[in-house]
Amino acid sequence: MSTAARLILGITGASGAVYGVRLLQRARALGVQTHVVVTPAGVINVHHELGLDRKALEALADEAHAPGDVGACIASGSFTTNAMIVAPCSMKTLAAVAHGFGDNLLTRAADVTLKERRRLILMVRETPFNLAHLRNMTLVTEMGGIIFPPLPAFYHRPQTIDELVDDTVERVLQLSGIPQATPKSWVGV
């Protein structure tokens, strides 16, 4: 692996496309190499929520991979990365990861991330959770994955939605092993 940090980012059709886009933007600003794979439902949702088409979204990454390209570099454990983040992560993708169902490049890359004992962070987006969701989150956690619903912190008194999103993105980048990330820390009362 080169000395530069490297992340894989998956974007699915769950609500919260802003998290995936902001992660790509912030990673680029920090000099982190990104590889993105977006599901067809993810493209629809990014367009619906943010007005971006596939071309504009993929331009935010260093390299974009088609979901059907299971022969891409990110499908192999020999392609080293700091972490993989799925933001947002649909319950369908969570279930596929929990049960080792690598039927597309995104779920295959997640499976590889787990087998290589690298950080896999799933920003799951669905509420309320049903029992299947909870069990799938438990399975992924037991395999070493990290379940990170994008729940905002209010202790730093954010004034805008952008501030809420940015703080969550910084926390996820820090959790991914990116030392330049700058989440707001609790300093006590």
N, C-alpha and C. Protein backbone atom coordinates (compact mmCIF):
# COMPACT_ATOMS: atom_id res chain seq x y z
N MET A 1 0.85 -1.19 0.00
CA MET A 1 0.00 0.00 0.00
C MET A 1 0.88 1.23 0.00
N SER A 2 0.47 2.23 -0.72
CA SER A 2 1.21 3.48 -0.73
C SER A 2 1.09 4.14 0.64
N THR A 3 1.88 5.18 0.86
CA THR A 3 1.84 5.85 2.15
C THR A 3 0.56 6.65 2.34
N ALA A 4 -0.13 6.97 1.27
CA ALA A 4 -1.39 7.71 1.38
C ALA A 4 -2.48 6.77 1.89
N ALA A 5 -3.39 7.32 2.68
CA ALA A 5 -4.52 6.54 3.15
C ALA A 5 -5.44 6.23 1.97
N ARG A 6 -6.15 5.12 2.10
CA ARG A 6 -7.05 4.68 1.03
C ARG A 6 -8.34 4.16 1.64
N LEU A 7 -9.46 4.64 1.12
CA LEU A 7 -10.77 4.21 1.59
C LEU A 7 -11.61 3.69 0.43
N ILE A 8 -12.44 2.70 0.74
CA ILE A 8 -13.50 2.28 -0.17
C ILE A 8 -14.78 2.86 0.39
N LEU A 9 -15.58 3.44 -0.48
CA LEU A 9 -16.86 3.97 -0.06
C LEU A 9 -17.96 3.36 -0.90
N GLY A 10 -18.94 2.76 -0.24
CA GLY A 10 -20.13 2.25 -0.90
C GLY A 10 -21.29 3.18 -0.62
N ILE A 11 -22.11 3.41 -1.62
CA ILE A 11 -23.31 4.23 -1.46
C ILE A 11 -24.49 3.41 -1.94
N THR A 12 -25.49 3.24 -1.06
CA THR A 12 -26.67 2.46 -1.41
C THR A 12 -27.88 3.38 -1.49
N GLY A 13 -29.05 2.78 -1.69
CA GLY A 13 -30.27 3.54 -1.89
C GLY A 13 -30.97 4.02 -0.64
N ALA A 14 -30.39 3.82 0.53
CA ALA A 14 -31.02 4.34 1.75
C ALA A 14 -30.95 5.86 1.76
N SER A 15 -31.83 6.48 2.50
CA SER A 15 -31.79 7.93 2.64
C SER A 15 -30.52 8.33 3.38
N GLY A 16 -30.01 9.50 3.05
CA GLY A 16 -28.79 9.98 3.69
C GLY A 16 -27.62 10.03 2.72
N ALA A 17 -27.90 10.25 1.45
CA ALA A 17 -26.85 10.32 0.44
C ALA A 17 -25.82 11.39 0.76
N VAL A 18 -26.23 12.41 1.49
CA VAL A 18 -25.31 13.49 1.84
C VAL A 18 -24.08 12.96 2.59
N TYR A 19 -24.25 11.90 3.37
CA TYR A 19 -23.11 11.36 4.11
C TYR A 19 -22.05 10.79 3.16
N GLY A 20 -22.49 10.05 2.16
CA GLY A 20 -21.53 9.51 1.20
C GLY A 20 -20.82 10.59 0.42
N VAL A 21 -21.59 11.58 -0.03
CA VAL A 21 -21.01 12.68 -0.80
C VAL A 21 -20.03 13.47 0.05
N ARG A 22 -20.41 13.81 1.27
CA ARG A 22 -19.51 14.57 2.14
C ARG A 22 -18.26 13.78 2.49
N LEU A 23 -18.40 12.48 2.67
CA LEU A 23 -17.21 11.65 2.92
C LEU A 23 -16.24 11.73 1.76
N LEU A 24 -16.75 11.64 0.54
CA LEU A 24 -15.89 11.77 -0.64
C LEU A 24 -15.22 13.14 -0.70
N GLN A 25 -15.99 14.18 -0.45
CA GLN A 25 -15.44 15.54 -0.51
C GLN A 25 -14.37 15.74 0.57
N ARG A 26 -14.66 15.30 1.77
CA ARG A 26 -13.71 15.51 2.88
C ARG A 26 -12.47 14.64 2.70
N ALA A 27 -12.63 13.42 2.24
CA ALA A 27 -11.47 12.56 2.00
C ALA A 27 -10.54 13.19 0.97
N ARG A 28 -11.12 13.74 -0.09
CA ARG A 28 -10.30 14.41 -1.10
C ARG A 28 -9.54 15.59 -0.49
N ALA A 29 -10.21 16.37 0.34
CA ALA A 29 -9.57 17.53 0.98
C ALA A 29 -8.42 17.10 1.89
N LEU A 30 -8.53 15.90 2.45
CA LEU A 30 -7.49 15.39 3.35
C LEU A 30 -6.40 14.60 2.62
N GLY A 31 -6.52 14.46 1.30
CA GLY A 31 -5.53 13.71 0.54
C GLY A 31 -5.68 12.20 0.65
N VAL A 32 -6.88 11.74 0.98
CA VAL A 32 -7.16 10.31 1.11
C VAL A 32 -7.67 9.79 -0.23
N GLN A 33 -7.07 8.71 -0.72
CA GLN A 33 -7.51 8.11 -1.97
C GLN A 33 -8.83 7.39 -1.75
N THR A 34 -9.79 7.60 -2.66
CA THR A 34 -11.10 6.97 -2.52
C THR A 34 -11.46 6.14 -3.74
N HIS A 35 -12.09 5.02 -3.45
CA HIS A 35 -12.66 4.13 -4.46
C HIS A 35 -14.14 4.01 -4.12
N VAL A 36 -15.00 4.38 -5.04
CA VAL A 36 -16.44 4.38 -4.77
C VAL A 36 -17.15 3.35 -5.63
N VAL A 37 -18.14 2.72 -5.04
CA VAL A 37 -19.06 1.85 -5.77
C VAL A 37 -20.47 2.22 -5.30
N VAL A 38 -21.33 2.53 -6.28
CA VAL A 38 -22.67 3.02 -5.98
C VAL A 38 -23.68 2.05 -6.60
N THR A 39 -24.62 1.60 -5.79
CA THR A 39 -25.65 0.71 -6.31
C THR A 39 -26.61 1.50 -7.20
N PRO A 40 -27.37 0.80 -8.05
CA PRO A 40 -28.36 1.52 -8.88
C PRO A 40 -29.34 2.34 -8.03
N ALA A 41 -29.79 1.78 -6.92
CA ALA A 41 -30.70 2.54 -6.04
C ALA A 41 -29.96 3.71 -5.40
N GLY A 42 -28.67 3.56 -5.17
CA GLY A 42 -27.87 4.65 -4.63
C GLY A 42 -27.82 5.83 -5.60
N VAL A 43 -27.67 5.54 -6.87
CA VAL A 43 -27.65 6.61 -7.89
C VAL A 43 -28.99 7.35 -7.89
N ILE A 44 -30.07 6.59 -7.84
CA ILE A 44 -31.40 7.21 -7.82
C ILE A 44 -31.54 8.11 -6.60
N ASN A 45 -31.10 7.62 -5.46
CA ASN A 45 -31.26 8.39 -4.23
C ASN A 45 -30.37 9.63 -4.20
N VAL A 46 -29.13 9.51 -4.67
CA VAL A 46 -28.24 10.67 -4.73
C VAL A 46 -28.85 11.74 -5.63
N HIS A 47 -29.44 11.31 -6.74
CA HIS A 47 -30.08 12.27 -7.64
C HIS A 47 -31.30 12.92 -6.95
N HIS A 48 -32.11 12.10 -6.30
CA HIS A 48 -33.32 12.61 -5.65
C HIS A 48 -32.99 13.56 -4.50
N GLU A 49 -32.04 13.18 -3.65
CA GLU A 49 -31.75 13.98 -2.46
C GLU A 49 -30.80 15.15 -2.71
N LEU A 50 -29.89 14.99 -3.68
CA LEU A 50 -28.85 16.02 -3.86
C LEU A 50 -28.78 16.60 -5.26
N GLY A 51 -29.52 16.02 -6.21
CA GLY A 51 -29.52 16.54 -7.56
C GLY A 51 -28.29 16.19 -8.38
N LEU A 52 -27.52 15.21 -7.92
CA LEU A 52 -26.31 14.79 -8.65
C LEU A 52 -26.61 13.57 -9.50
N ASP A 53 -26.04 13.51 -10.70
CA ASP A 53 -26.13 12.30 -11.49
C ASP A 53 -24.91 11.42 -11.20
N ARG A 54 -24.90 10.22 -11.80
CA ARG A 54 -23.81 9.28 -11.55
C ARG A 54 -22.45 9.89 -11.90
N LYS A 55 -22.37 10.57 -13.03
CA LYS A 55 -21.09 11.14 -13.47
C LYS A 55 -20.57 12.16 -12.46
N ALA A 56 -21.42 13.04 -11.98
CA ALA A 56 -21.00 14.05 -11.00
C ALA A 56 -20.59 13.40 -9.68
N LEU A 57 -21.34 12.38 -9.28
CA LEU A 57 -21.00 11.68 -8.04
C LEU A 57 -19.65 10.97 -8.16
N GLU A 58 -19.47 10.22 -9.23
CA GLU A 58 -18.23 9.47 -9.40
C GLU A 58 -17.02 10.38 -9.57
N ALA A 59 -17.23 11.60 -10.05
CA ALA A 59 -16.12 12.56 -10.20
C ALA A 59 -15.55 12.97 -8.85
N LEU A 60 -16.28 12.75 -7.78
CA LEU A 60 -15.80 13.10 -6.44
C LEU A 60 -14.78 12.09 -5.90
N ALA A 61 -14.70 10.92 -6.53
CA ALA A 61 -13.80 9.85 -6.09
C ALA A 61 -12.57 9.79 -6.98
N ASP A 62 -11.52 9.20 -6.46
CA ASP A 62 -10.33 8.97 -7.28
C ASP A 62 -10.59 7.89 -8.31
N GLU A 63 -11.38 6.89 -7.93
CA GLU A 63 -11.73 5.83 -8.87
C GLU A 63 -13.14 5.36 -8.57
N ALA A 64 -13.92 5.15 -9.61
CA ALA A 64 -15.29 4.65 -9.48
C ALA A 64 -15.37 3.27 -10.10
N HIS A 65 -16.13 2.41 -9.47
CA HIS A 65 -16.29 1.03 -9.93
C HIS A 65 -17.77 0.72 -10.11
N ALA A 66 -18.10 -0.01 -11.15
CA ALA A 66 -19.48 -0.43 -11.39
C ALA A 66 -19.84 -1.55 -10.43
N PRO A 67 -21.08 -1.57 -9.94
CA PRO A 67 -21.49 -2.60 -8.99
C PRO A 67 -21.35 -4.02 -9.53
N GLY A 68 -21.46 -4.19 -10.83
CA GLY A 68 -21.33 -5.52 -11.43
C GLY A 68 -19.90 -5.96 -11.70
N ASP A 69 -18.94 -5.08 -11.49
CA ASP A 69 -17.54 -5.38 -11.81
C ASP A 69 -16.87 -6.12 -10.64
N VAL A 70 -17.26 -7.38 -10.44
CA VAL A 70 -16.72 -8.13 -9.31
C VAL A 70 -15.24 -8.49 -9.48
N GLY A 71 -14.66 -8.16 -10.62
CA GLY A 71 -13.23 -8.36 -10.83
C GLY A 71 -12.40 -7.11 -10.54
N ALA A 72 -13.04 -6.06 -10.04
CA ALA A 72 -12.31 -4.81 -9.75
C ALA A 72 -11.32 -5.01 -8.61
N CYS A 73 -10.35 -4.11 -8.52
CA CYS A 73 -9.30 -4.23 -7.51
C CYS A 73 -9.84 -4.31 -6.10
N ILE A 74 -10.94 -3.61 -5.78
CA ILE A 74 -11.46 -3.60 -4.42
C ILE A 74 -12.13 -4.92 -4.03
N ALA A 75 -12.24 -5.85 -4.97
CA ALA A 75 -12.81 -7.17 -4.68
C ALA A 75 -11.76 -8.14 -4.16
N SER A 76 -10.53 -7.68 -4.03
CA SER A 76 -9.44 -8.57 -3.60
C SER A 76 -8.81 -8.09 -2.30
N GLY A 77 -8.50 -9.03 -1.44
CA GLY A 77 -7.80 -8.71 -0.21
C GLY A 77 -6.40 -8.21 -0.43
N SER A 78 -5.83 -8.47 -1.59
CA SER A 78 -4.48 -7.98 -1.88
C SER A 78 -4.46 -6.47 -2.13
N PHE A 79 -5.63 -5.88 -2.31
CA PHE A 79 -5.75 -4.43 -2.48
C PHE A 79 -5.99 -3.85 -1.10
N THR A 80 -4.95 -3.32 -0.51
CA THR A 80 -5.05 -2.88 0.88
C THR A 80 -5.69 -1.51 1.00
N THR A 81 -6.45 -1.37 2.07
CA THR A 81 -7.15 -0.12 2.36
C THR A 81 -7.13 0.12 3.86
N ASN A 82 -7.37 1.35 4.25
CA ASN A 82 -7.53 1.65 5.67
C ASN A 82 -8.87 1.12 6.17
N ALA A 83 -9.90 1.30 5.37
CA ALA A 83 -11.25 0.93 5.80
C ALA A 83 -12.18 0.96 4.61
N MET A 84 -13.38 0.42 4.85
CA MET A 84 -14.50 0.56 3.91
C MET A 84 -15.67 1.13 4.69
N ILE A 85 -16.32 2.11 4.10
CA ILE A 85 -17.49 2.74 4.69
C ILE A 85 -18.64 2.58 3.71
N VAL A 86 -19.80 2.21 4.22
CA VAL A 86 -21.01 2.20 3.40
C VAL A 86 -21.92 3.29 3.96
N ALA A 87 -22.09 4.34 3.16
CA ALA A 87 -22.80 5.54 3.63
C ALA A 87 -23.65 6.12 2.53
N PRO A 88 -24.93 6.01 2.61
CA PRO A 88 -25.69 5.30 3.62
C PRO A 88 -25.76 3.81 3.31
N CYS A 89 -26.10 3.04 4.31
CA CYS A 89 -26.19 1.58 4.15
C CYS A 89 -27.64 1.16 4.30
N SER A 90 -28.19 0.60 3.25
CA SER A 90 -29.57 0.11 3.27
C SER A 90 -29.66 -1.18 4.08
N MET A 91 -30.84 -1.53 4.49
CA MET A 91 -31.04 -2.78 5.22
C MET A 91 -30.79 -3.98 4.31
N LYS A 92 -31.03 -3.82 3.01
CA LYS A 92 -30.71 -4.89 2.06
C LYS A 92 -29.21 -5.15 2.04
N THR A 93 -28.42 -4.09 1.98
CA THR A 93 -26.96 -4.25 1.97
C THR A 93 -26.48 -4.79 3.31
N LEU A 94 -27.03 -4.31 4.40
CA LEU A 94 -26.69 -4.85 5.72
C LEU A 94 -26.93 -6.35 5.76
N ALA A 95 -28.09 -6.79 5.28
CA ALA A 95 -28.42 -8.22 5.29
C ALA A 95 -27.44 -9.02 4.43
N ALA A 96 -27.10 -8.48 3.26
CA ALA A 96 -26.15 -9.17 2.39
C ALA A 96 -24.79 -9.31 3.06
N VAL A 97 -24.33 -8.26 3.71
CA VAL A 97 -23.03 -8.32 4.40
C VAL A 97 -23.11 -9.29 5.57
N ALA A 98 -24.18 -9.22 6.34
CA ALA A 98 -24.33 -10.07 7.52
C ALA A 98 -24.31 -11.55 7.17
N HIS A 99 -24.78 -11.88 5.97
CA HIS A 99 -24.89 -13.28 5.58
C HIS A 99 -23.88 -13.68 4.50
N GLY A 100 -22.88 -12.84 4.27
CA GLY A 100 -21.82 -13.18 3.33
C GLY A 100 -22.30 -13.32 1.90
N PHE A 101 -23.32 -12.58 1.54
CA PHE A 101 -23.90 -12.68 0.20
C PHE A 101 -23.27 -11.62 -0.70
N GLY A 102 -22.09 -11.91 -1.23
CA GLY A 102 -21.36 -10.97 -2.06
C GLY A 102 -21.82 -11.01 -3.49
N ASP A 103 -23.04 -10.58 -3.73
CA ASP A 103 -23.63 -10.69 -5.07
C ASP A 103 -23.32 -9.52 -5.98
N ASN A 104 -22.64 -8.50 -5.46
CA ASN A 104 -22.21 -7.38 -6.29
C ASN A 104 -20.88 -6.86 -5.74
N LEU A 105 -20.30 -5.90 -6.40
CA LEU A 105 -18.98 -5.44 -5.98
C LEU A 105 -19.01 -4.81 -4.59
N LEU A 106 -20.07 -4.08 -4.27
CA LEU A 106 -20.13 -3.44 -2.96
C LEU A 106 -20.13 -4.49 -1.85
N THR A 107 -20.99 -5.49 -1.95
CA THR A 107 -21.05 -6.50 -0.89
C THR A 107 -19.84 -7.42 -0.91
N ARG A 108 -19.26 -7.64 -2.08
CA ARG A 108 -18.02 -8.43 -2.15
C ARG A 108 -16.88 -7.67 -1.47
N ALA A 109 -16.75 -6.38 -1.74
CA ALA A 109 -15.70 -5.58 -1.10
C ALA A 109 -15.89 -5.55 0.41
N ALA A 110 -17.13 -5.47 0.88
CA ALA A 110 -17.39 -5.50 2.32
C ALA A 110 -16.98 -6.84 2.91
N ASP A 111 -17.29 -7.92 2.22
CA ASP A 111 -16.90 -9.25 2.67
C ASP A 111 -15.37 -9.38 2.75
N VAL A 112 -14.69 -8.87 1.73
CA VAL A 112 -13.22 -8.88 1.72
C VAL A 112 -12.68 -8.06 2.89
N THR A 113 -13.28 -6.91 3.13
CA THR A 113 -12.84 -6.05 4.23
C THR A 113 -12.92 -6.82 5.55
N LEU A 114 -14.02 -7.52 5.76
CA LEU A 114 -14.17 -8.30 6.99
C LEU A 114 -13.17 -9.45 7.06
N LYS A 115 -13.00 -10.18 5.96
CA LYS A 115 -12.10 -11.33 6.01
C LYS A 115 -10.65 -10.91 6.22
N GLU A 116 -10.30 -9.72 5.77
CA GLU A 116 -8.95 -9.21 5.96
C GLU A 116 -8.78 -8.51 7.30
N ARG A 117 -9.84 -8.50 8.10
CA ARG A 117 -9.82 -7.88 9.44
C ARG A 117 -9.53 -6.39 9.38
N ARG A 118 -10.07 -5.75 8.34
CA ARG A 118 -9.97 -4.29 8.21
C ARG A 118 -11.27 -3.68 8.72
N ARG A 119 -11.26 -2.39 8.91
CA ARG A 119 -12.45 -1.71 9.43
C ARG A 119 -13.53 -1.61 8.35
N LEU A 120 -14.70 -2.09 8.72
CA LEU A 120 -15.89 -1.96 7.89
C LEU A 120 -16.90 -1.17 8.71
N ILE A 121 -17.30 -0.02 8.20
CA ILE A 121 -18.24 0.85 8.91
C ILE A 121 -19.50 0.97 8.07
N LEU A 122 -20.61 0.54 8.66
CA LEU A 122 -21.90 0.61 7.97
C LEU A 122 -22.76 1.69 8.62
N MET A 123 -23.01 2.74 7.86
CA MET A 123 -23.86 3.83 8.34
C MET A 123 -25.31 3.48 7.97
N VAL A 124 -25.88 2.59 8.78
CA VAL A 124 -27.21 2.05 8.50
C VAL A 124 -28.28 3.13 8.66
N ARG A 125 -29.23 3.11 7.73
CA ARG A 125 -30.27 4.12 7.69
C ARG A 125 -31.62 3.45 7.57
N GLU A 126 -32.30 3.32 8.69
CA GLU A 126 -33.67 2.82 8.71
C GLU A 126 -34.16 2.97 10.14
N THR A 127 -35.36 3.43 10.31
CA THR A 127 -35.96 3.42 11.64
C THR A 127 -37.47 3.30 11.49
N PRO A 128 -38.11 2.66 12.42
CA PRO A 128 -37.50 1.92 13.52
C PRO A 128 -36.91 0.61 13.00
N PHE A 129 -36.02 0.03 13.79
CA PHE A 129 -35.42 -1.25 13.43
C PHE A 129 -36.39 -2.38 13.77
N ASN A 130 -36.44 -3.37 12.87
CA ASN A 130 -37.18 -4.58 13.22
C ASN A 130 -36.18 -5.62 13.70
N LEU A 131 -36.65 -6.77 14.11
CA LEU A 131 -35.77 -7.78 14.69
C LEU A 131 -34.73 -8.28 13.68
N ALA A 132 -35.11 -8.39 12.42
CA ALA A 132 -34.13 -8.82 11.40
C ALA A 132 -32.99 -7.81 11.28
N HIS A 133 -33.33 -6.52 11.29
CA HIS A 133 -32.30 -5.47 11.23
C HIS A 133 -31.34 -5.60 12.40
N LEU A 134 -31.90 -5.73 13.60
CA LEU A 134 -31.07 -5.82 14.81
C LEU A 134 -30.19 -7.06 14.79
N ARG A 135 -30.74 -8.18 14.36
CA ARG A 135 -29.93 -9.41 14.29
C ARG A 135 -28.83 -9.28 13.25
N ASN A 136 -29.14 -8.67 12.12
CA ASN A 136 -28.11 -8.48 11.10
C ASN A 136 -27.01 -7.55 11.60
N MET A 137 -27.37 -6.51 12.33
CA MET A 137 -26.35 -5.62 12.91
C MET A 137 -25.49 -6.37 13.91
N THR A 138 -26.11 -7.25 14.68
CA THR A 138 -25.35 -8.06 15.64
C THR A 138 -24.38 -8.98 14.91
N LEU A 139 -24.84 -9.62 13.84
CA LEU A 139 -23.96 -10.51 13.07
C LEU A 139 -22.75 -9.76 12.52
N VAL A 140 -22.99 -8.59 11.93
CA VAL A 140 -21.87 -7.81 11.38
C VAL A 140 -20.92 -7.39 12.50
N THR A 141 -21.46 -7.00 13.64
CA THR A 141 -20.61 -6.61 14.77
C THR A 141 -19.78 -7.79 15.25
N GLU A 142 -20.38 -8.95 15.33
CA GLU A 142 -19.65 -10.15 15.76
C GLU A 142 -18.54 -10.52 14.78
N MET A 143 -18.70 -10.13 13.51
CA MET A 143 -17.66 -10.39 12.51
C MET A 143 -16.57 -9.33 12.50
N GLY A 144 -16.74 -8.29 13.32
CA GLY A 144 -15.74 -7.24 13.39
C GLY A 144 -16.12 -5.94 12.73
N GLY A 145 -17.31 -5.89 12.11
CA GLY A 145 -17.77 -4.66 11.51
C GLY A 145 -18.26 -3.68 12.55
N ILE A 146 -18.39 -2.45 12.14
CA ILE A 146 -18.86 -1.38 13.03
C ILE A 146 -20.16 -0.83 12.48
N ILE A 147 -21.19 -0.87 13.32
CA ILE A 147 -22.48 -0.31 12.94
C ILE A 147 -22.50 1.13 13.44
N PHE A 148 -22.66 2.07 12.53
CA PHE A 148 -22.58 3.49 12.88
C PHE A 148 -23.77 4.23 12.26
N PRO A 149 -24.95 4.13 12.88
CA PRO A 149 -26.05 4.94 12.36
C PRO A 149 -25.68 6.41 12.47
N PRO A 150 -25.97 7.20 11.48
CA PRO A 150 -25.57 8.61 11.53
C PRO A 150 -26.46 9.43 12.46
N LEU A 151 -26.27 9.20 13.75
CA LEU A 151 -27.04 9.91 14.77
C LEU A 151 -26.26 11.16 15.17
N PRO A 152 -26.89 12.31 15.08
CA PRO A 152 -26.15 13.55 15.34
C PRO A 152 -25.85 13.76 16.82
N ALA A 153 -24.74 14.43 17.07
CA ALA A 153 -24.38 14.88 18.42
C ALA A 153 -24.78 16.35 18.56
N PHE A 154 -25.30 16.70 19.71
CA PHE A 154 -25.76 18.07 19.92
C PHE A 154 -24.95 18.83 20.97
N TYR A 155 -23.97 18.17 21.58
CA TYR A 155 -23.21 18.82 22.66
C TYR A 155 -22.38 20.00 22.17
N HIS A 156 -22.07 20.05 20.88
CA HIS A 156 -21.30 21.18 20.35
C HIS A 156 -22.22 22.29 19.80
N ARG A 157 -23.51 22.13 20.04
CA ARG A 157 -24.52 23.12 19.67
C ARG A 157 -24.50 23.50 18.19
N PRO A 158 -24.70 22.52 17.31
CA PRO A 158 -24.70 22.83 15.87
C PRO A 158 -25.85 23.77 15.51
N GLN A 159 -25.58 24.63 14.55
CA GLN A 159 -26.58 25.61 14.12
C GLN A 159 -27.23 25.24 12.79
N THR A 160 -26.62 24.33 12.05
CA THR A 160 -27.14 23.97 10.73
C THR A 160 -27.09 22.46 10.52
N ILE A 161 -27.84 22.01 9.54
CA ILE A 161 -27.78 20.59 9.16
C ILE A 161 -26.38 20.26 8.66
N ASP A 162 -25.76 21.18 7.92
CA ASP A 162 -24.39 20.94 7.44
C ASP A 162 -23.44 20.66 8.59
N GLU A 163 -23.56 21.38 9.68
CA GLU A 163 -22.70 21.14 10.84
C GLU A 163 -22.93 19.75 11.42
N LEU A 164 -24.18 19.31 11.47
CA LEU A 164 -24.49 17.96 11.96
C LEU A 164 -23.86 16.90 11.06
N VAL A 165 -24.04 17.06 9.76
CA VAL A 165 -23.49 16.11 8.80
C VAL A 165 -21.96 16.09 8.88
N ASP A 166 -21.36 17.27 8.90
CA ASP A 166 -19.90 17.35 8.92
C ASP A 166 -19.31 16.72 10.16
N ASP A 167 -19.93 16.90 11.32
CA ASP A 167 -19.40 16.30 12.54
C ASP A 167 -19.47 14.78 12.45
N THR A 168 -20.57 14.25 11.94
CA THR A 168 -20.68 12.80 11.77
C THR A 168 -19.62 12.28 10.81
N VAL A 169 -19.42 12.98 9.71
CA VAL A 169 -18.41 12.58 8.72
C VAL A 169 -17.02 12.57 9.35
N GLU A 170 -16.70 13.57 10.12
CA GLU A 170 -15.38 13.61 10.77
C GLU A 170 -15.21 12.44 11.75
N ARG A 171 -16.28 12.11 12.48
CA ARG A 171 -16.20 10.97 13.41
C ARG A 171 -15.96 9.67 12.65
N VAL A 172 -16.64 9.50 11.52
CA VAL A 172 -16.47 8.28 10.73
C VAL A 172 -15.06 8.22 10.14
N LEU A 173 -14.56 9.33 9.65
CA LEU A 173 -13.19 9.33 9.11
C LEU A 173 -12.18 9.00 10.19
N GLN A 174 -12.36 9.55 11.38
CA GLN A 174 -11.46 9.23 12.48
C GLN A 174 -11.52 7.74 12.82
N LEU A 175 -12.73 7.21 12.87
CA LEU A 175 -12.92 5.78 13.14
C LEU A 175 -12.29 4.92 12.05
N SER A 176 -12.19 5.46 10.84
CA SER A 176 -11.59 4.75 9.71
C SER A 176 -10.07 4.77 9.75
N GLY A 177 -9.51 5.45 10.73
CA GLY A 177 -8.05 5.50 10.85
C GLY A 177 -7.42 6.64 10.11
N ILE A 178 -8.18 7.67 9.82
CA ILE A 178 -7.65 8.84 9.12
C ILE A 178 -7.28 9.87 10.19
N PRO A 179 -5.99 10.02 10.48
CA PRO A 179 -5.59 10.88 11.60
C PRO A 179 -5.87 12.36 11.40
N GLN A 180 -6.03 12.80 10.15
CA GLN A 180 -6.28 14.22 9.90
C GLN A 180 -7.74 14.61 10.18
N ALA A 181 -8.61 13.64 10.45
CA ALA A 181 -10.01 13.96 10.72
C ALA A 181 -10.11 14.80 11.98
N THR A 182 -11.10 15.68 11.99
CA THR A 182 -11.21 16.64 13.10
C THR A 182 -12.62 16.68 13.69
N PRO A 183 -13.07 15.57 14.29
CA PRO A 183 -14.38 15.64 14.94
C PRO A 183 -14.31 16.52 16.19
N LYS A 184 -15.44 17.09 16.53
CA LYS A 184 -15.50 17.92 17.74
C LYS A 184 -15.52 16.99 18.95
N SER A 185 -14.64 17.22 19.90
CA SER A 185 -14.55 16.39 21.09
C SER A 185 -15.34 16.98 22.23
N TRP A 186 -15.88 16.11 23.04
CA TRP A 186 -16.53 16.53 24.27
C TRP A 186 -15.44 16.92 25.24
N VAL A 187 -15.53 18.11 25.82
CA VAL A 187 -14.50 18.60 26.73
C VAL A 187 -14.96 18.60 28.17
N GLY A 188 -16.17 18.14 28.41
CA GLY A 188 -16.69 18.11 29.76
C GLY A 188 -17.48 19.36 30.09
N VAL A 189 -18.08 19.35 31.26
CA VAL A 189 -18.88 20.51 31.67
C VAL A 189 -18.18 21.30 32.76
